[in-house]
Amino acid sequence: MVQHLLLRCTKAGKIPMGAAGEVSQFQRKKSTCGRKHLHKDLPKCIQAIPQSRRYCFRSLAHDLGMLKSTLHDYFKRGVFAKYSSVLKPALTESNKVCRLKWALDHVCDRDGAKYVDDMYDTVHVDEKWFFMTRVQKVYGAICEKIKQRSCKSKHHLLKVMFLTAVAHPRWDETSGE
């Protein structure tokens, strides 16, 4: 930098010639400078919109009456957040008892100590169902409680099925495979 420009950068107006790399480039203005933030009540406006309209930026921006890019700027600044809304099964007490009984059946007693079965000799053959549900992300205000989605039966959801078999790999000494 030129010396007369360096003289303007400090309060005293004097900088040694070798200190040009140590000059701070931060602004001395207060935090109220810059463009004005117009939407100060944005979290309240977002909470007023139904959760079914808050799955994507496009519908949220349309309901708020602002541009998607402006809404994205507020999202990056942390004015509102993205929450995950996964579909949880509505388990009954009998379902919970059956799951617990299945887990307790795999507890073994070896030499007086309790161990969980390592399941090396078990093949799990299962139908994997992939349900075609809504997008799982929801935008909302900071610390807002998002309504949890649940359903008793998934019969009415579109689904795709894959048959899978999961087992521990085996090594055969005779064939080397």
N, C-alpha and C. Protein backbone atom coordinates (compact mmCIF):
# COMPACT_ATOMS: atom_id res chain seq x y z
N MET A 1 0.84 -1.19 0.00
CA MET A 1 0.00 0.00 0.00
C MET A 1 0.88 1.25 0.00
N VAL A 2 0.33 2.31 -0.49
CA VAL A 2 1.04 3.58 -0.52
C VAL A 2 1.02 4.19 0.87
N GLN A 3 2.08 4.89 1.24
CA GLN A 3 2.21 5.41 2.60
C GLN A 3 1.11 6.41 2.95
N HIS A 4 0.70 7.27 2.00
CA HIS A 4 -0.34 8.25 2.35
C HIS A 4 -1.70 7.58 2.55
N LEU A 5 -1.92 6.39 1.93
CA LEU A 5 -3.14 5.64 2.20
C LEU A 5 -3.07 4.95 3.56
N LEU A 6 -1.88 4.52 3.94
CA LEU A 6 -1.71 3.89 5.25
C LEU A 6 -1.90 4.90 6.38
N LEU A 7 -1.57 6.16 6.11
CA LEU A 7 -1.73 7.18 7.15
C LEU A 7 -3.20 7.40 7.48
N ARG A 8 -4.09 7.16 6.51
CA ARG A 8 -5.51 7.33 6.75
C ARG A 8 -6.12 6.16 7.53
N CYS A 9 -5.43 5.04 7.60
CA CYS A 9 -6.01 3.81 8.17
C CYS A 9 -5.96 3.75 9.69
N THR A 10 -5.22 4.58 10.35
CA THR A 10 -5.11 4.48 11.81
C THR A 10 -5.61 5.74 12.47
N LYS A 11 -5.86 5.64 13.78
CA LYS A 11 -6.32 6.80 14.53
C LYS A 11 -5.20 7.84 14.67
N ALA A 12 -3.99 7.38 14.94
CA ALA A 12 -2.88 8.31 15.13
C ALA A 12 -2.38 8.86 13.80
N GLY A 13 -2.60 8.13 12.72
CA GLY A 13 -2.17 8.61 11.42
C GLY A 13 -0.76 8.21 11.07
N LYS A 14 -0.11 7.39 11.88
CA LYS A 14 1.27 7.01 11.61
C LYS A 14 1.40 5.49 11.70
N ILE A 15 1.95 4.91 10.67
CA ILE A 15 2.23 3.48 10.65
C ILE A 15 3.67 3.32 10.23
N PRO A 16 4.41 2.47 10.91
CA PRO A 16 5.78 2.22 10.46
C PRO A 16 5.77 1.57 9.08
N MET A 17 6.82 1.74 8.34
CA MET A 17 6.89 1.26 6.97
C MET A 17 6.77 -0.26 6.88
N GLY A 18 7.28 -1.01 7.84
CA GLY A 18 7.25 -2.47 7.78
C GLY A 18 5.94 -3.07 8.27
N ALA A 19 5.02 -2.28 8.77
CA ALA A 19 3.79 -2.80 9.37
C ALA A 19 2.62 -2.80 8.40
N ALA A 20 2.87 -2.77 7.11
CA ALA A 20 1.77 -2.70 6.14
C ALA A 20 0.94 -3.98 6.13
N GLY A 21 1.55 -5.13 6.42
CA GLY A 21 0.81 -6.39 6.43
C GLY A 21 -0.02 -6.58 7.69
N GLU A 22 0.17 -5.79 8.72
CA GLU A 22 -0.53 -5.97 9.98
C GLU A 22 -1.74 -5.06 10.13
N VAL A 23 -2.11 -4.32 9.10
CA VAL A 23 -3.22 -3.39 9.19
C VAL A 23 -4.53 -4.16 9.14
N SER A 24 -5.44 -3.87 10.05
CA SER A 24 -6.74 -4.53 10.08
C SER A 24 -7.64 -3.94 9.00
N GLN A 25 -8.32 -4.79 8.27
CA GLN A 25 -9.19 -4.35 7.19
C GLN A 25 -10.66 -4.32 7.60
N PHE A 26 -10.99 -4.58 8.87
CA PHE A 26 -12.38 -4.63 9.31
C PHE A 26 -12.96 -3.22 9.40
N GLN A 27 -14.27 -3.14 9.14
CA GLN A 27 -14.93 -1.84 9.23
C GLN A 27 -15.10 -1.44 10.69
N ARG A 28 -15.08 -0.13 10.93
CA ARG A 28 -15.27 0.37 12.29
C ARG A 28 -16.70 0.81 12.52
N LYS A 29 -17.59 0.52 11.58
CA LYS A 29 -18.97 0.94 11.72
C LYS A 29 -19.70 0.01 12.68
N LYS A 30 -20.78 0.50 13.22
CA LYS A 30 -21.60 -0.31 14.11
C LYS A 30 -22.34 -1.36 13.29
N SER A 31 -23.01 -2.27 13.98
CA SER A 31 -23.67 -3.37 13.28
C SER A 31 -24.98 -2.94 12.62
N THR A 32 -25.40 -1.72 12.79
CA THR A 32 -26.65 -1.27 12.17
C THR A 32 -26.44 -0.71 10.78
N CYS A 33 -25.23 -0.83 10.22
CA CYS A 33 -25.00 -0.34 8.88
C CYS A 33 -25.43 -1.39 7.87
N GLY A 34 -25.53 -1.01 6.61
CA GLY A 34 -25.94 -1.93 5.57
C GLY A 34 -27.41 -1.79 5.27
N ARG A 35 -27.91 -2.71 4.44
CA ARG A 35 -29.31 -2.62 4.07
C ARG A 35 -30.20 -3.04 5.23
N LYS A 36 -31.38 -2.51 5.24
CA LYS A 36 -32.32 -2.78 6.32
C LYS A 36 -32.99 -4.14 6.10
N HIS A 37 -33.17 -4.87 7.17
CA HIS A 37 -33.86 -6.15 7.11
C HIS A 37 -35.35 -5.89 7.27
N LEU A 38 -36.10 -6.20 6.22
CA LEU A 38 -37.51 -5.81 6.19
C LEU A 38 -38.40 -6.76 6.98
N HIS A 39 -38.08 -8.03 7.00
CA HIS A 39 -38.98 -9.02 7.58
C HIS A 39 -38.49 -9.43 8.96
N LYS A 40 -38.76 -8.61 9.96
CA LYS A 40 -38.31 -8.93 11.31
C LYS A 40 -39.24 -9.92 11.99
N ASP A 41 -40.49 -9.99 11.55
CA ASP A 41 -41.45 -10.91 12.15
C ASP A 41 -41.63 -12.16 11.28
N LEU A 42 -40.58 -12.56 10.57
CA LEU A 42 -40.66 -13.71 9.67
C LEU A 42 -40.98 -15.02 10.39
N PRO A 43 -40.40 -15.32 11.56
CA PRO A 43 -40.77 -16.58 12.23
C PRO A 43 -42.26 -16.66 12.58
N LYS A 44 -42.86 -15.55 12.96
CA LYS A 44 -44.30 -15.57 13.27
C LYS A 44 -45.12 -15.80 12.00
N CYS A 45 -44.68 -15.19 10.90
CA CYS A 45 -45.39 -15.39 9.63
C CYS A 45 -45.28 -16.84 9.16
N ILE A 46 -44.12 -17.45 9.38
CA ILE A 46 -43.92 -18.84 8.97
C ILE A 46 -44.79 -19.77 9.81
N GLN A 47 -44.91 -19.48 11.11
CA GLN A 47 -45.74 -20.32 11.97
C GLN A 47 -47.21 -20.21 11.61
N ALA A 48 -47.62 -19.10 11.02
CA ALA A 48 -49.02 -18.92 10.64
C ALA A 48 -49.39 -19.74 9.40
N ILE A 49 -48.40 -20.14 8.62
CA ILE A 49 -48.65 -20.94 7.42
C ILE A 49 -48.80 -22.40 7.83
N PRO A 50 -49.78 -23.13 7.27
CA PRO A 50 -49.94 -24.54 7.64
C PRO A 50 -48.70 -25.36 7.28
N GLN A 51 -48.45 -26.40 8.05
CA GLN A 51 -47.25 -27.21 7.86
C GLN A 51 -47.25 -27.90 6.50
N SER A 52 -48.40 -28.18 5.95
CA SER A 52 -48.47 -28.83 4.64
C SER A 52 -47.98 -27.93 3.52
N ARG A 53 -47.90 -26.63 3.74
CA ARG A 53 -47.41 -25.69 2.73
C ARG A 53 -45.95 -25.29 2.97
N ARG A 54 -45.28 -25.93 3.94
CA ARG A 54 -43.91 -25.55 4.28
C ARG A 54 -42.89 -26.61 3.91
N TYR A 55 -43.17 -27.43 2.90
CA TYR A 55 -42.25 -28.48 2.53
C TYR A 55 -41.16 -28.02 1.57
N CYS A 56 -41.36 -26.94 0.84
CA CYS A 56 -40.35 -26.48 -0.10
C CYS A 56 -40.32 -24.95 -0.09
N PHE A 57 -39.20 -24.42 -0.57
CA PHE A 57 -39.02 -22.97 -0.60
C PHE A 57 -40.04 -22.30 -1.50
N ARG A 58 -40.41 -22.96 -2.59
CA ARG A 58 -41.31 -22.34 -3.56
C ARG A 58 -42.67 -22.03 -2.95
N SER A 59 -43.28 -23.02 -2.29
CA SER A 59 -44.61 -22.79 -1.71
C SER A 59 -44.53 -21.87 -0.51
N LEU A 60 -43.45 -21.97 0.27
CA LEU A 60 -43.28 -21.09 1.43
C LEU A 60 -43.10 -19.64 0.99
N ALA A 61 -42.29 -19.41 -0.05
CA ALA A 61 -42.08 -18.05 -0.55
C ALA A 61 -43.37 -17.49 -1.16
N HIS A 62 -44.14 -18.33 -1.83
CA HIS A 62 -45.40 -17.86 -2.41
C HIS A 62 -46.38 -17.44 -1.32
N ASP A 63 -46.48 -18.23 -0.25
CA ASP A 63 -47.40 -17.89 0.84
C ASP A 63 -46.95 -16.66 1.62
N LEU A 64 -45.62 -16.45 1.70
CA LEU A 64 -45.11 -15.26 2.39
C LEU A 64 -45.12 -14.03 1.51
N GLY A 65 -45.21 -14.21 0.19
CA GLY A 65 -45.21 -13.09 -0.73
C GLY A 65 -43.84 -12.48 -0.93
N MET A 66 -42.80 -13.32 -0.93
CA MET A 66 -41.44 -12.83 -1.16
C MET A 66 -40.74 -13.75 -2.14
N LEU A 67 -39.59 -13.31 -2.62
CA LEU A 67 -38.82 -14.09 -3.57
C LEU A 67 -38.16 -15.29 -2.89
N LYS A 68 -37.92 -16.34 -3.69
CA LYS A 68 -37.25 -17.51 -3.13
C LYS A 68 -35.83 -17.18 -2.71
N SER A 69 -35.16 -16.32 -3.46
CA SER A 69 -33.78 -15.97 -3.12
C SER A 69 -33.72 -15.18 -1.81
N THR A 70 -34.69 -14.30 -1.59
CA THR A 70 -34.74 -13.56 -0.33
C THR A 70 -35.01 -14.50 0.83
N LEU A 71 -35.91 -15.45 0.63
CA LEU A 71 -36.21 -16.43 1.67
C LEU A 71 -34.99 -17.29 1.96
N HIS A 72 -34.24 -17.64 0.92
CA HIS A 72 -33.03 -18.44 1.11
C HIS A 72 -31.97 -17.65 1.88
N ASP A 73 -31.88 -16.36 1.64
CA ASP A 73 -30.94 -15.53 2.41
C ASP A 73 -31.28 -15.54 3.89
N TYR A 74 -32.57 -15.44 4.22
CA TYR A 74 -32.99 -15.50 5.62
C TYR A 74 -32.71 -16.88 6.22
N PHE A 75 -32.86 -17.93 5.40
CA PHE A 75 -32.55 -19.28 5.88
C PHE A 75 -31.07 -19.42 6.18
N LYS A 76 -30.21 -18.88 5.31
CA LYS A 76 -28.77 -18.95 5.53
C LYS A 76 -28.34 -18.14 6.75
N ARG A 77 -29.06 -17.05 7.03
CA ARG A 77 -28.76 -16.22 8.20
C ARG A 77 -29.23 -16.84 9.50
N GLY A 78 -30.07 -17.87 9.42
CA GLY A 78 -30.54 -18.56 10.62
C GLY A 78 -31.82 -18.00 11.20
N VAL A 79 -32.60 -17.28 10.39
CA VAL A 79 -33.87 -16.73 10.89
C VAL A 79 -34.88 -17.85 11.10
N PHE A 80 -34.86 -18.87 10.23
CA PHE A 80 -35.71 -20.05 10.41
C PHE A 80 -34.89 -21.28 10.07
N ALA A 81 -35.41 -22.46 10.39
CA ALA A 81 -34.63 -23.68 10.28
C ALA A 81 -35.40 -24.75 9.50
N LYS A 82 -34.68 -25.82 9.16
CA LYS A 82 -35.27 -26.97 8.47
C LYS A 82 -35.34 -28.12 9.47
N TYR A 83 -36.50 -28.75 9.58
CA TYR A 83 -36.70 -29.85 10.51
C TYR A 83 -37.04 -31.11 9.73
N SER A 84 -36.69 -32.24 10.31
CA SER A 84 -37.01 -33.53 9.71
C SER A 84 -38.31 -34.04 10.30
N SER A 85 -39.19 -34.48 9.44
CA SER A 85 -40.50 -34.97 9.87
C SER A 85 -40.68 -36.37 9.31
N VAL A 86 -40.09 -37.36 9.98
CA VAL A 86 -40.19 -38.73 9.50
C VAL A 86 -41.51 -39.33 9.95
N LEU A 87 -41.94 -40.32 9.22
CA LEU A 87 -43.21 -40.99 9.52
C LEU A 87 -42.94 -42.08 10.54
N LYS A 88 -43.48 -41.94 11.73
CA LYS A 88 -43.29 -42.90 12.81
C LYS A 88 -44.47 -43.87 12.86
N PRO A 89 -44.19 -45.14 13.13
CA PRO A 89 -45.32 -46.07 13.26
C PRO A 89 -46.05 -45.85 14.58
N ALA A 90 -47.34 -45.97 14.53
CA ALA A 90 -48.14 -45.85 15.74
C ALA A 90 -48.24 -47.24 16.36
N LEU A 91 -47.28 -47.61 17.21
CA LEU A 91 -47.22 -48.94 17.79
C LEU A 91 -48.22 -49.07 18.93
N THR A 92 -48.89 -50.21 18.97
CA THR A 92 -49.76 -50.50 20.11
C THR A 92 -48.93 -51.21 21.17
N GLU A 93 -49.52 -51.44 22.32
CA GLU A 93 -48.81 -52.12 23.40
C GLU A 93 -48.48 -53.56 23.02
N SER A 94 -49.38 -54.23 22.29
CA SER A 94 -49.09 -55.61 21.88
C SER A 94 -47.93 -55.66 20.88
N ASN A 95 -47.80 -54.65 20.00
CA ASN A 95 -46.65 -54.59 19.09
C ASN A 95 -45.35 -54.43 19.86
N LYS A 96 -45.37 -53.60 20.89
CA LYS A 96 -44.16 -53.38 21.69
C LYS A 96 -43.77 -54.64 22.45
N VAL A 97 -44.77 -55.39 22.95
CA VAL A 97 -44.49 -56.63 23.68
C VAL A 97 -43.90 -57.67 22.73
N CYS A 98 -44.41 -57.78 21.52
CA CYS A 98 -43.87 -58.73 20.54
C CYS A 98 -42.43 -58.40 20.17
N ARG A 99 -42.13 -57.14 20.00
CA ARG A 99 -40.75 -56.73 19.68
C ARG A 99 -39.81 -57.04 20.84
N LEU A 100 -40.25 -56.79 22.05
CA LEU A 100 -39.42 -57.07 23.22
C LEU A 100 -39.21 -58.56 23.39
N LYS A 101 -40.24 -59.37 23.16
CA LYS A 101 -40.12 -60.83 23.26
C LYS A 101 -39.13 -61.35 22.22
N TRP A 102 -39.17 -60.83 20.99
CA TRP A 102 -38.23 -61.26 19.96
C TRP A 102 -36.79 -60.94 20.37
N ALA A 103 -36.57 -59.77 20.96
CA ALA A 103 -35.22 -59.39 21.39
C ALA A 103 -34.75 -60.26 22.56
N LEU A 104 -35.65 -60.58 23.48
CA LEU A 104 -35.28 -61.40 24.64
C LEU A 104 -35.02 -62.85 24.24
N ASP A 105 -35.61 -63.31 23.14
CA ASP A 105 -35.35 -64.67 22.66
C ASP A 105 -33.92 -64.84 22.18
N HIS A 106 -33.24 -63.77 21.86
CA HIS A 106 -31.86 -63.84 21.37
C HIS A 106 -30.83 -63.61 22.46
N VAL A 107 -31.25 -63.62 23.71
CA VAL A 107 -30.31 -63.52 24.84
C VAL A 107 -29.96 -64.93 25.27
N CYS A 108 -28.65 -65.25 25.28
CA CYS A 108 -28.17 -66.60 25.60
C CYS A 108 -27.51 -66.59 26.98
N ASP A 109 -27.49 -67.77 27.61
CA ASP A 109 -26.84 -67.93 28.92
C ASP A 109 -25.63 -68.83 28.72
N ARG A 110 -24.42 -68.26 28.80
CA ARG A 110 -23.18 -69.02 28.64
C ARG A 110 -22.37 -68.92 29.93
N ASP A 111 -22.17 -70.03 30.57
CA ASP A 111 -21.36 -70.11 31.80
C ASP A 111 -21.85 -69.14 32.86
N GLY A 112 -23.13 -69.01 32.99
CA GLY A 112 -23.71 -68.15 34.02
C GLY A 112 -23.77 -66.68 33.66
N ALA A 113 -23.29 -66.31 32.48
CA ALA A 113 -23.33 -64.91 32.05
C ALA A 113 -24.30 -64.78 30.88
N LYS A 114 -24.93 -63.64 30.81
CA LYS A 114 -25.91 -63.38 29.75
C LYS A 114 -25.20 -62.72 28.56
N TYR A 115 -25.45 -63.24 27.37
CA TYR A 115 -24.89 -62.69 26.15
C TYR A 115 -26.00 -62.58 25.10
N VAL A 116 -25.86 -61.61 24.25
CA VAL A 116 -26.76 -61.49 23.11
C VAL A 116 -26.20 -62.35 21.99
N ASP A 117 -27.06 -63.11 21.34
CA ASP A 117 -26.65 -64.00 20.26
C ASP A 117 -25.96 -63.19 19.17
N ASP A 118 -24.79 -63.68 18.70
CA ASP A 118 -24.05 -62.94 17.68
C ASP A 118 -24.67 -63.07 16.29
N MET A 119 -25.58 -64.02 16.11
CA MET A 119 -26.37 -64.21 14.88
C MET A 119 -25.49 -64.48 13.66
N TYR A 120 -24.32 -65.15 13.86
CA TYR A 120 -23.49 -65.53 12.73
C TYR A 120 -24.13 -66.66 11.92
N ASP A 121 -24.98 -67.45 12.54
CA ASP A 121 -25.61 -68.58 11.87
C ASP A 121 -27.07 -68.29 11.52
N THR A 122 -27.41 -67.03 11.37
CA THR A 122 -28.78 -66.63 11.09
C THR A 122 -28.83 -65.91 9.74
N VAL A 123 -29.80 -66.26 8.94
CA VAL A 123 -30.05 -65.57 7.68
C VAL A 123 -31.39 -64.86 7.82
N HIS A 124 -31.37 -63.57 7.66
CA HIS A 124 -32.60 -62.78 7.74
C HIS A 124 -33.14 -62.58 6.33
N VAL A 125 -34.23 -63.23 6.04
CA VAL A 125 -34.91 -63.05 4.76
C VAL A 125 -36.09 -62.14 5.02
N ASP A 126 -36.11 -61.05 4.31
CA ASP A 126 -37.12 -60.04 4.62
C ASP A 126 -37.58 -59.34 3.35
N GLU A 127 -38.80 -58.92 3.38
CA GLU A 127 -39.32 -58.07 2.33
C GLU A 127 -39.09 -56.63 2.76
N LYS A 128 -38.39 -55.89 1.95
CA LYS A 128 -38.14 -54.49 2.26
C LYS A 128 -39.14 -53.64 1.49
N TRP A 129 -39.96 -52.93 2.22
CA TRP A 129 -40.96 -52.06 1.62
C TRP A 129 -40.47 -50.63 1.66
N PHE A 130 -40.47 -49.98 0.54
CA PHE A 130 -40.10 -48.58 0.47
C PHE A 130 -41.37 -47.80 0.16
N PHE A 131 -41.77 -46.98 1.10
CA PHE A 131 -43.02 -46.25 0.98
C PHE A 131 -42.78 -44.92 0.29
N MET A 132 -43.66 -44.59 -0.62
CA MET A 132 -43.57 -43.34 -1.36
C MET A 132 -44.35 -42.28 -0.59
N THR A 133 -43.70 -41.68 0.40
CA THR A 133 -44.37 -40.68 1.22
C THR A 133 -43.90 -39.29 0.82
N ARG A 134 -44.43 -38.31 1.50
CA ARG A 134 -44.07 -36.93 1.22
C ARG A 134 -42.62 -36.66 1.61
N VAL A 135 -42.13 -35.52 1.18
CA VAL A 135 -40.80 -35.09 1.55
C VAL A 135 -40.73 -34.95 3.06
N GLN A 136 -39.61 -35.33 3.66
CA GLN A 136 -39.54 -35.39 5.11
C GLN A 136 -39.05 -34.10 5.75
N LYS A 137 -38.67 -33.09 4.97
CA LYS A 137 -38.17 -31.86 5.58
C LYS A 137 -39.29 -30.83 5.65
N VAL A 138 -39.28 -30.08 6.74
CA VAL A 138 -40.28 -29.04 6.96
C VAL A 138 -39.53 -27.81 7.44
N TYR A 139 -39.86 -26.65 6.90
CA TYR A 139 -39.25 -25.41 7.35
C TYR A 139 -40.12 -24.79 8.42
N GLY A 140 -39.47 -24.28 9.47
CA GLY A 140 -40.22 -23.66 10.56
C GLY A 140 -39.34 -22.69 11.32
N ALA A 141 -39.95 -21.98 12.26
CA ALA A 141 -39.22 -21.02 13.07
C ALA A 141 -38.26 -21.76 14.00
N ILE A 142 -37.28 -21.04 14.52
CA ILE A 142 -36.31 -21.62 15.43
C ILE A 142 -37.04 -22.10 16.68
N CYS A 143 -36.73 -23.30 17.14
CA CYS A 143 -37.30 -23.93 18.35
C CYS A 143 -38.81 -24.15 18.22
N GLU A 144 -39.32 -24.26 17.03
CA GLU A 144 -40.75 -24.53 16.85
C GLU A 144 -40.99 -26.03 16.92
N LYS A 145 -42.06 -26.44 17.55
CA LYS A 145 -42.43 -27.85 17.62
C LYS A 145 -43.19 -28.21 16.34
N ILE A 146 -42.62 -29.10 15.57
CA ILE A 146 -43.23 -29.54 14.33
C ILE A 146 -44.14 -30.73 14.64
N LYS A 147 -45.31 -30.74 14.03
CA LYS A 147 -46.26 -31.83 14.25
C LYS A 147 -45.68 -33.13 13.70
N GLN A 148 -45.63 -34.15 14.54
CA GLN A 148 -45.08 -35.44 14.14
C GLN A 148 -46.10 -36.21 13.31
N ARG A 149 -45.67 -36.73 12.18
CA ARG A 149 -46.56 -37.51 11.34
C ARG A 149 -46.59 -38.94 11.84
N SER A 150 -47.76 -39.54 11.93
CA SER A 150 -47.89 -40.94 12.30
C SER A 150 -49.11 -41.52 11.62
N CYS A 151 -49.11 -42.82 11.48
CA CYS A 151 -50.27 -43.48 10.90
C CYS A 151 -50.38 -44.88 11.48
N LYS A 152 -51.57 -45.34 11.61
CA LYS A 152 -51.81 -46.67 12.15
C LYS A 152 -51.53 -47.74 11.11
N SER A 153 -51.91 -47.48 9.88
CA SER A 153 -51.74 -48.45 8.82
C SER A 153 -51.15 -47.77 7.60
N LYS A 154 -50.23 -48.47 6.94
CA LYS A 154 -49.61 -47.92 5.74
C LYS A 154 -50.22 -48.51 4.47
N HIS A 155 -51.42 -49.08 4.59
CA HIS A 155 -52.04 -49.73 3.44
C HIS A 155 -52.37 -48.75 2.32
N HIS A 156 -52.59 -47.50 2.65
CA HIS A 156 -53.02 -46.54 1.65
C HIS A 156 -51.86 -45.76 1.03
N LEU A 157 -50.63 -46.06 1.43
CA LEU A 157 -49.46 -45.39 0.86
C LEU A 157 -48.94 -46.21 -0.32
N LEU A 158 -48.47 -45.52 -1.34
CA LEU A 158 -47.84 -46.21 -2.46
C LEU A 158 -46.53 -46.81 -1.98
N LYS A 159 -46.21 -48.02 -2.46
CA LYS A 159 -45.02 -48.68 -1.96
C LYS A 159 -44.39 -49.57 -3.02
N VAL A 160 -43.10 -49.84 -2.82
CA VAL A 160 -42.32 -50.70 -3.68
C VAL A 160 -41.69 -51.76 -2.79
N MET A 161 -41.66 -53.02 -3.24
CA MET A 161 -41.16 -54.10 -2.40
C MET A 161 -39.92 -54.74 -3.02
N PHE A 162 -38.90 -55.00 -2.18
CA PHE A 162 -37.71 -55.74 -2.57
C PHE A 162 -37.54 -56.89 -1.59
N LEU A 163 -37.17 -58.06 -2.10
CA LEU A 163 -36.90 -59.20 -1.24
C LEU A 163 -35.40 -59.21 -0.96
N THR A 164 -35.04 -59.25 0.31
CA THR A 164 -33.63 -59.18 0.68
C THR A 164 -33.29 -60.35 1.59
N ALA A 165 -32.02 -60.74 1.56
CA ALA A 165 -31.49 -61.74 2.48
C ALA A 165 -30.18 -61.20 3.02
N VAL A 166 -30.08 -61.13 4.34
CA VAL A 166 -28.90 -60.57 4.99
C VAL A 166 -28.31 -61.66 5.88
N ALA A 167 -27.01 -61.93 5.70
CA ALA A 167 -26.34 -62.96 6.51
C ALA A 167 -24.87 -62.59 6.65
N HIS A 168 -24.23 -63.21 7.63
CA HIS A 168 -22.80 -63.03 7.83
C HIS A 168 -22.07 -63.86 6.77
N PRO A 169 -21.04 -63.33 6.11
CA PRO A 169 -20.34 -64.12 5.09
C PRO A 169 -19.66 -65.35 5.71
N ARG A 170 -19.68 -66.45 4.97
CA ARG A 170 -19.07 -67.70 5.43
C ARG A 170 -17.79 -67.97 4.63
N TRP A 171 -16.82 -68.63 5.27
CA TRP A 171 -15.58 -69.00 4.60
C TRP A 171 -15.48 -70.51 4.59
N ASP A 172 -15.31 -71.07 3.41
CA ASP A 172 -15.17 -72.52 3.28
C ASP A 172 -13.69 -72.83 3.09
N GLU A 173 -13.11 -73.60 4.04
CA GLU A 173 -11.68 -73.91 3.99
C GLU A 173 -11.33 -74.84 2.82
N THR A 174 -12.24 -75.74 2.47
CA THR A 174 -11.92 -76.72 1.42
C THR A 174 -11.84 -76.08 0.04
N SER A 175 -12.76 -75.20 -0.26
CA SER A 175 -12.75 -74.59 -1.60
C SER A 175 -12.00 -73.26 -1.63
N GLY A 176 -11.72 -72.71 -0.47
CA GLY A 176 -11.00 -71.43 -0.42
C GLY A 176 -11.87 -70.25 -0.78
N GLU A 177 -13.15 -70.41 -0.63
CA GLU A 177 -14.08 -69.32 -0.94
C GLU A 177 -14.85 -68.93 0.29
